[in-house]
C-alpha cells in the first residue's frame, strides 16, 4: 500500500452530502437479500456464512463510498 492509501484507510471519513442516502440504499437492498436467504436456505453453517458475507459486503461497499 502507498502512504496515501494507508492514510485514507485509517482516518475518519465524515459523511459528505448524498452519502447517507447511498449507505441506506445499499443497506436496504442487502436487508432484502438477507430476508430471502433466511426464507429460502435451511438453517446451516452455509446460511450463516452467506449472511456474514452479506454483512461484510455492505461494510466494504459503504467503506468505498466513505473513502472516495
PDB file of N, CA and C in Angstrom:
ATOM      1  N   UNK A   1       0.840  -1.193   0.000  1.00  0.00           N
ATOM      2  CA  UNK A   1       0.000   0.000   0.000  1.00  0.00           C
ATOM      3  C   UNK A   1       0.879   1.249   0.000  1.00  0.00           C
ATOM      4  N   UNK A   2       0.415   2.230  -0.687  1.00  0.00           N
ATOM      5  CA  UNK A   2       1.108   3.508  -0.668  1.00  0.00           C
ATOM      6  C   UNK A   2       0.705   4.285   0.576  1.00  0.00           C
ATOM      7  N   UNK A   3       1.530   5.225   0.945  1.00  0.00           N
ATOM      8  CA  UNK A   3       1.285   6.043   2.132  1.00  0.00           C
ATOM      9  C   UNK A   3      -0.083   6.729   2.077  1.00  0.00           C
ATOM     10  N   UNK A   4      -0.444   7.263   0.921  1.00  0.00           N
ATOM     11  CA  UNK A   4      -1.738   7.942   0.787  1.00  0.00           C
ATOM     12  C   UNK A   4      -2.899   6.980   0.997  1.00  0.00           C
ATOM     13  N   UNK A   5      -2.745   5.741   0.521  1.00  0.00           N
ATOM     14  CA  UNK A   5      -3.794   4.735   0.709  1.00  0.00           C
ATOM     15  C   UNK A   5      -3.930   4.374   2.185  1.00  0.00           C
ATOM     16  N   UNK A   6      -2.813   4.240   2.870  1.00  0.00           N
ATOM     17  CA  UNK A   6      -2.845   3.922   4.298  1.00  0.00           C
ATOM     18  C   UNK A   6      -3.518   5.055   5.063  1.00  0.00           C
ATOM     19  N   UNK A   7      -3.132   6.274   4.773  1.00  0.00           N
ATOM     20  CA  UNK A   7      -3.732   7.428   5.452  1.00  0.00           C
ATOM     21  C   UNK A   7      -5.244   7.455   5.230  1.00  0.00           C
ATOM     22  N   UNK A   8      -5.665   7.213   4.002  1.00  0.00           N
ATOM     23  CA  UNK A   8      -7.091   7.240   3.681  1.00  0.00           C
ATOM     24  C   UNK A   8      -7.849   6.102   4.352  1.00  0.00           C
ATOM     25  N   UNK A   9      -7.225   4.938   4.459  1.00  0.00           N
ATOM     26  CA  UNK A   9      -7.884   3.773   5.039  1.00  0.00           C
ATOM     27  C   UNK A   9      -8.079   3.897   6.539  1.00  0.00           C
ATOM     28  N   UNK A  10      -7.225   4.666   7.205  1.00  0.00           N
ATOM     29  CA  UNK A  10      -7.249   4.701   8.661  1.00  0.00           C
ATOM     30  C   UNK A  10      -7.562   6.079   9.231  1.00  0.00           C
ATOM     31  N   UNK A  11      -8.378   6.828   8.537  1.00  0.00           N
ATOM     32  CA  UNK A  11      -8.814   8.109   9.071  1.00  0.00           C
ATOM     33  C   UNK A  11     -10.334   8.141   9.108  1.00  0.00           C
ATOM     34  N   UNK A  12     -10.866   9.061   9.886  1.00  0.00           N
ATOM     35  CA  UNK A  12     -12.313   9.230   9.958  1.00  0.00           C
ATOM     36  C   UNK A  12     -12.796   9.928   8.699  1.00  0.00           C
ATOM     37  N   UNK A  13     -13.877   9.418   8.145  1.00  0.00           N
ATOM     38  CA  UNK A  13     -14.465   9.997   6.939  1.00  0.00           C
ATOM     39  C   UNK A  13     -15.874  10.474   7.274  1.00  0.00           C
ATOM     40  N   UNK A  14     -16.045  11.742   7.621  1.00  0.00           N
ATOM     41  CA  UNK A  14     -17.397  12.222   7.904  1.00  0.00           C
ATOM     42  C   UNK A  14     -18.250  12.137   6.636  1.00  0.00           C
ATOM     43  N   UNK A  15     -19.522  11.835   6.791  1.00  0.00           N
ATOM     44  CA  UNK A  15     -20.386  11.721   5.606  1.00  0.00           C
ATOM     45  C   UNK A  15     -20.470  13.034   4.836  1.00  0.00           C
ATOM     46  N   UNK A  16     -20.279  12.939   3.543  1.00  0.00           N
ATOM     47  CA  UNK A  16     -20.440  14.084   2.651  1.00  0.00           C
ATOM     48  C   UNK A  16     -21.903  14.128   2.203  1.00  0.00           C
ATOM     49  N   UNK A  17     -22.339  15.257   1.691  1.00  0.00           N
ATOM     50  CA  UNK A  17     -23.714  15.328   1.190  1.00  0.00           C
ATOM     51  C   UNK A  17     -23.993  14.219   0.172  1.00  0.00           C
ATOM     52  N   UNK A  18     -25.108  13.545   0.357  1.00  0.00           N
ATOM     53  CA  UNK A  18     -25.517  12.484  -0.556  1.00  0.00           C
ATOM     54  C   UNK A  18     -25.038  11.096  -0.175  1.00  0.00           C
ATOM     55  N   UNK A  19     -24.052  11.000   0.694  1.00  0.00           N
ATOM     56  CA  UNK A  19     -23.532   9.684   1.048  1.00  0.00           C
ATOM     57  C   UNK A  19     -24.496   8.903   1.927  1.00  0.00           C
ATOM     58  N   UNK A  20     -25.176   9.548   2.842  1.00  0.00           N
ATOM     59  CA  UNK A  20     -26.114   8.845   3.724  1.00  0.00           C
ATOM     60  C   UNK A  20     -27.164   8.095   2.912  1.00  0.00           C
ATOM     61  N   UNK A  21     -27.640   8.722   1.851  1.00  0.00           N
ATOM     62  CA  UNK A  21     -28.649   8.084   1.008  1.00  0.00           C
ATOM     63  C   UNK A  21     -28.078   6.848   0.309  1.00  0.00           C
ATOM     64  N   UNK A  22     -26.818   6.927  -0.116  1.00  0.00           N
ATOM     65  CA  UNK A  22     -26.178   5.776  -0.745  1.00  0.00           C
ATOM     66  C   UNK A  22     -26.025   4.637   0.257  1.00  0.00           C
ATOM     67  N   UNK A  23     -25.579   4.966   1.473  1.00  0.00           N
ATOM     68  CA  UNK A  23     -25.438   3.947   2.514  1.00  0.00           C
ATOM     69  C   UNK A  23     -26.773   3.246   2.754  1.00  0.00           C
ATOM     70  N   UNK A  24     -27.829   4.044   2.864  1.00  0.00           N
ATOM     71  CA  UNK A  24     -29.151   3.486   3.155  1.00  0.00           C
ATOM     72  C   UNK A  24     -29.639   2.597   2.023  1.00  0.00           C
ATOM     73  N   UNK A  25     -29.413   3.004   0.779  1.00  0.00           N
ATOM     74  CA  UNK A  25     -29.834   2.191  -0.369  1.00  0.00           C
ATOM     75  C   UNK A  25     -29.144   0.835  -0.370  1.00  0.00           C
ATOM     76  N   UNK A  26     -27.859   0.830  -0.066  1.00  0.00           N
ATOM     77  CA  UNK A  26     -27.119  -0.427  -0.010  1.00  0.00           C
ATOM     78  C   UNK A  26     -27.647  -1.299   1.120  1.00  0.00           C
ATOM     79  N   UNK A  27     -27.864  -0.694   2.298  1.00  0.00           N
ATOM     80  CA  UNK A  27     -28.389  -1.475   3.427  1.00  0.00           C
ATOM     81  C   UNK A  27     -29.775  -2.033   3.123  1.00  0.00           C
ATOM     82  N   UNK A  28     -30.625  -1.241   2.481  1.00  0.00           N
ATOM     83  CA  UNK A  28     -31.985  -1.701   2.153  1.00  0.00           C
ATOM     84  C   UNK A  28     -31.958  -2.918   1.228  1.00  0.00           C
ATOM     85  N   UNK A  29     -31.134  -2.860   0.185  1.00  0.00           N
ATOM     86  CA  UNK A  29     -31.052  -3.988  -0.752  1.00  0.00           C
ATOM     87  C   UNK A  29     -30.459  -5.217  -0.070  1.00  0.00           C
ATOM     88  N   UNK A  30     -29.453  -5.003   0.761  1.00  0.00           N
ATOM     89  CA  UNK A  30     -28.841  -6.133   1.465  1.00  0.00           C
ATOM     90  C   UNK A  30     -29.837  -6.767   2.428  1.00  0.00           C
ATOM     91  N   UNK A  31     -30.634  -5.946   3.087  1.00  0.00           N
ATOM     92  CA  UNK A  31     -31.639  -6.484   4.011  1.00  0.00           C
ATOM     93  C   UNK A  31     -32.661  -7.322   3.255  1.00  0.00           C
ATOM     94  N   UNK A  32     -33.054  -6.864   2.075  1.00  0.00           N
ATOM     95  CA  UNK A  32     -33.979  -7.633   1.236  1.00  0.00           C
ATOM     96  C   UNK A  32     -33.380  -9.009   0.909  1.00  0.00           C
ATOM     97  N   UNK A  33     -32.118  -9.030   0.534  1.00  0.00           N
ATOM     98  CA  UNK A  33     -31.454 -10.297   0.241  1.00  0.00           C
ATOM     99  C   UNK A  33     -31.297 -11.146   1.499  1.00  0.00           C
ATOM    100  N   UNK A  34     -31.009 -10.527   2.629  1.00  0.00           N
ATOM    101  CA  UNK A  34     -30.874 -11.270   3.890  1.00  0.00           C
ATOM    102  C   UNK A  34     -32.173 -11.995   4.230  1.00  0.00           C
ATOM    103  N   UNK A  35     -33.305 -11.324   4.047  1.00  0.00           N
ATOM    104  CA  UNK A  35     -34.587 -11.978   4.301  1.00  0.00           C
ATOM    105  C   UNK A  35     -34.820 -13.137   3.331  1.00  0.00           C
ATOM    106  N   UNK A  36     -34.423 -12.955   2.080  1.00  0.00           N
ATOM    107  CA  UNK A  36     -34.579 -14.023   1.098  1.00  0.00           C
ATOM    108  C   UNK A  36     -33.719 -15.229   1.480  1.00  0.00           C
ATOM    109  N   UNK A  37     -32.488 -14.977   1.862  1.00  0.00           N
ATOM    110  CA  UNK A  37     -31.601 -16.064   2.300  1.00  0.00           C
ATOM    111  C   UNK A  37     -32.210 -16.769   3.507  1.00  0.00           C
ATOM    112  N   UNK A  38     -32.721 -16.006   4.458  1.00  0.00           N
ATOM    113  CA  UNK A  38     -33.308 -16.581   5.669  1.00  0.00           C
ATOM    114  C   UNK A  38     -34.517 -17.458   5.343  1.00  0.00           C
ATOM    115  N   UNK A  39     -35.327 -17.017   4.378  1.00  0.00           N
ATOM    116  CA  UNK A  39     -36.523 -17.775   3.993  1.00  0.00           C
ATOM    117  C   UNK A  39     -36.193 -19.025   3.180  1.00  0.00           C
ATOM    118  N   UNK A  40     -35.242 -18.914   2.260  1.00  0.00           N
ATOM    119  CA  UNK A  40     -35.034 -19.979   1.280  1.00  0.00           C
ATOM    120  C   UNK A  40     -33.974 -21.000   1.676  1.00  0.00           C
ATOM    121  N   UNK A  41     -33.070 -20.622   2.542  1.00  0.00           N
ATOM    122  CA  UNK A  41     -31.953 -21.504   2.875  1.00  0.00           C
ATOM    123  C   UNK A  41     -32.193 -22.190   4.218  1.00  0.00           C
ATOM    124  N   UNK A  42     -31.869 -23.472   4.297  1.00  0.00           N
ATOM    125  CA  UNK A  42     -32.024 -24.159   5.582  1.00  0.00           C
ATOM    126  C   UNK A  42     -31.043 -23.591   6.609  1.00  0.00           C
ATOM    127  N   UNK A  43     -31.445 -23.683   7.868  1.00  0.00           N
ATOM    128  CA  UNK A  43     -30.582 -23.219   8.945  1.00  0.00           C
ATOM    129  C   UNK A  43     -29.319 -24.082   8.938  1.00  0.00           C
ATOM    130  N   UNK A  44     -28.203 -23.465   8.577  1.00  0.00           N
ATOM    131  CA  UNK A  44     -26.970 -24.216   8.407  1.00  0.00           C
ATOM    132  C   UNK A  44     -25.774 -23.286   8.506  1.00  0.00           C
ATOM    133  N   UNK A  45     -24.624 -23.883   8.561  1.00  0.00           N
ATOM    134  CA  UNK A  45     -23.379 -23.113   8.560  1.00  0.00           C
ATOM    135  C   UNK A  45     -23.292 -22.275   7.290  1.00  0.00           C
ATOM    136  N   UNK A  46     -23.709 -22.857   6.165  1.00  0.00           N
ATOM    137  CA  UNK A  46     -23.654 -22.155   4.884  1.00  0.00           C
ATOM    138  C   UNK A  46     -24.530 -20.906   4.890  1.00  0.00           C
ATOM    139  N   UNK A  47     -25.741 -21.041   5.473  1.00  0.00           N
ATOM    140  CA  UNK A  47     -26.616 -19.864   5.562  1.00  0.00           C
ATOM    141  C   UNK A  47     -25.978 -18.799   6.434  1.00  0.00           C
ATOM    142  N   UNK A  48     -25.386 -19.213   7.532  1.00  0.00           N
ATOM    143  CA  UNK A  48     -24.703 -18.259   8.412  1.00  0.00           C
ATOM    144  C   UNK A  48     -23.567 -17.555   7.688  1.00  0.00           C
ATOM    145  N   UNK A  49     -22.803 -18.328   6.910  1.00  0.00           N
ATOM    146  CA  UNK A  49     -21.714 -17.720   6.151  1.00  0.00           C
ATOM    147  C   UNK A  49     -22.236 -16.762   5.089  1.00  0.00           C
ATOM    148  N   UNK A  50     -23.328 -17.119   4.442  1.00  0.00           N
ATOM    149  CA  UNK A  50     -23.918 -16.231   3.436  1.00  0.00           C
ATOM    150  C   UNK A  50     -24.327 -14.909   4.073  1.00  0.00           C
ATOM    151  N   UNK A  51     -24.930 -14.985   5.251  1.00  0.00           N
ATOM    152  CA  UNK A  51     -25.356 -13.772   5.951  1.00  0.00           C
ATOM    153  C   UNK A  51     -24.154 -12.953   6.402  1.00  0.00           C
ATOM    154  N   UNK A  52     -23.161 -13.612   6.942  1.00  0.00           N
ATOM    155  CA  UNK A  52     -21.952 -12.909   7.380  1.00  0.00           C
ATOM    156  C   UNK A  52     -21.274 -12.208   6.209  1.00  0.00           C
ATOM    157  N   UNK A  53     -21.179 -12.908   5.087  1.00  0.00           N
ATOM    158  CA  UNK A  53     -20.531 -12.300   3.926  1.00  0.00           C
ATOM    159  C   UNK A  53     -21.367 -11.179   3.324  1.00  0.00           C
ATOM    160  N   UNK A  54     -22.663 -11.255   3.438  1.00  0.00           N
ATOM    161  CA  UNK A  54     -23.516 -10.154   3.008  1.00  0.00           C
ATOM    162  C   UNK A  54     -23.263  -8.931   3.886  1.00  0.00           C
ATOM    163  N   UNK A  55     -23.147  -9.145   5.196  1.00  0.00           N
ATOM    164  CA  UNK A  55     -22.816  -8.043   6.112  1.00  0.00           C
ATOM    165  C   UNK A  55     -21.467  -7.424   5.740  1.00  0.00           C
ATOM    166  N   UNK A  56     -20.510  -8.266   5.415  1.00  0.00           N
ATOM    167  CA  UNK A  56     -19.197  -7.761   5.012  1.00  0.00           C
ATOM    168  C   UNK A  56     -19.287  -6.974   3.709  1.00  0.00           C
ATOM    169  N   UNK A  57     -20.102  -7.442   2.790  1.00  0.00           N
ATOM    170  CA  UNK A  57     -20.278  -6.731   1.521  1.00  0.00           C
ATOM    171  C   UNK A  57     -20.817  -5.329   1.747  1.00  0.00           C
ATOM    172  N   UNK A  58     -21.786  -5.216   2.634  1.00  0.00           N
ATOM    173  CA  UNK A  58     -22.352  -3.896   2.956  1.00  0.00           C
ATOM    174  C   UNK A  58     -21.272  -3.009   3.572  1.00  0.00           C
ATOM    175  N   UNK A  59     -20.520  -3.579   4.503  1.00  0.00           N
ATOM    176  CA  UNK A  59     -19.479  -2.799   5.159  1.00  0.00           C
ATOM    177  C   UNK A  59     -18.468  -2.274   4.140  1.00  0.00           C
ATOM    178  N   UNK A  60     -17.990  -3.147   3.259  1.00  0.00           N
ATOM    179  CA  UNK A  60     -16.985  -2.726   2.295  1.00  0.00           C
ATOM    180  C   UNK A  60     -17.561  -1.782   1.237  1.00  0.00           C
ATOM    181  N   UNK A  61     -18.789  -1.998   0.843  1.00  0.00           N
ATOM    182  CA  UNK A  61     -19.409  -1.067  -0.111  1.00  0.00           C
ATOM    183  C   UNK A  61     -19.527   0.323   0.502  1.00  0.00           C
ATOM    184  N   UNK A  62     -19.962   0.375   1.762  1.00  0.00           N
ATOM    185  CA  UNK A  62     -20.068   1.670   2.435  1.00  0.00           C
ATOM    186  C   UNK A  62     -18.697   2.287   2.665  1.00  0.00           C
ATOM    187  N   UNK A  63     -17.694   1.480   2.955  1.00  0.00           N
ATOM    188  CA  UNK A  63     -16.334   1.999   3.098  1.00  0.00           C
ATOM    189  C   UNK A  63     -15.851   2.604   1.788  1.00  0.00           C
ATOM    190  N   UNK A  64     -16.191   1.979   0.672  1.00  0.00           N
ATOM    191  CA  UNK A  64     -15.758   2.521  -0.614  1.00  0.00           C
ATOM    192  C   UNK A  64     -16.381   3.885  -0.881  1.00  0.00           C
ATOM    193  N   UNK A  65     -17.624   4.058  -0.445  1.00  0.00           N
ATOM    194  CA  UNK A  65     -18.284   5.352  -0.591  1.00  0.00           C
ATOM    195  C   UNK A  65     -17.633   6.373   0.330  1.00  0.00           C
ATOM    196  N   UNK A  66     -17.381   5.987   1.569  1.00  0.00           N
ATOM    197  CA  UNK A  66     -16.803   6.906   2.544  1.00  0.00           C
ATOM    198  C   UNK A  66     -15.407   7.359   2.144  1.00  0.00           C
ATOM    199  N   UNK A  67     -14.656   6.471   1.517  1.00  0.00           N
ATOM    200  CA  UNK A  67     -13.248   6.764   1.201  1.00  0.00           C
ATOM    201  C   UNK A  67     -13.040   7.411  -0.163  1.00  0.00           C
ATOM    202  N   UNK A  68     -14.111   7.685  -0.894  1.00  0.00           N
ATOM    203  CA  UNK A  68     -13.928   8.252  -2.236  1.00  0.00           C
ATOM    204  C   UNK A  68     -13.366   9.643  -2.201  1.00  0.00           C
TER     205      UNK A  68
END
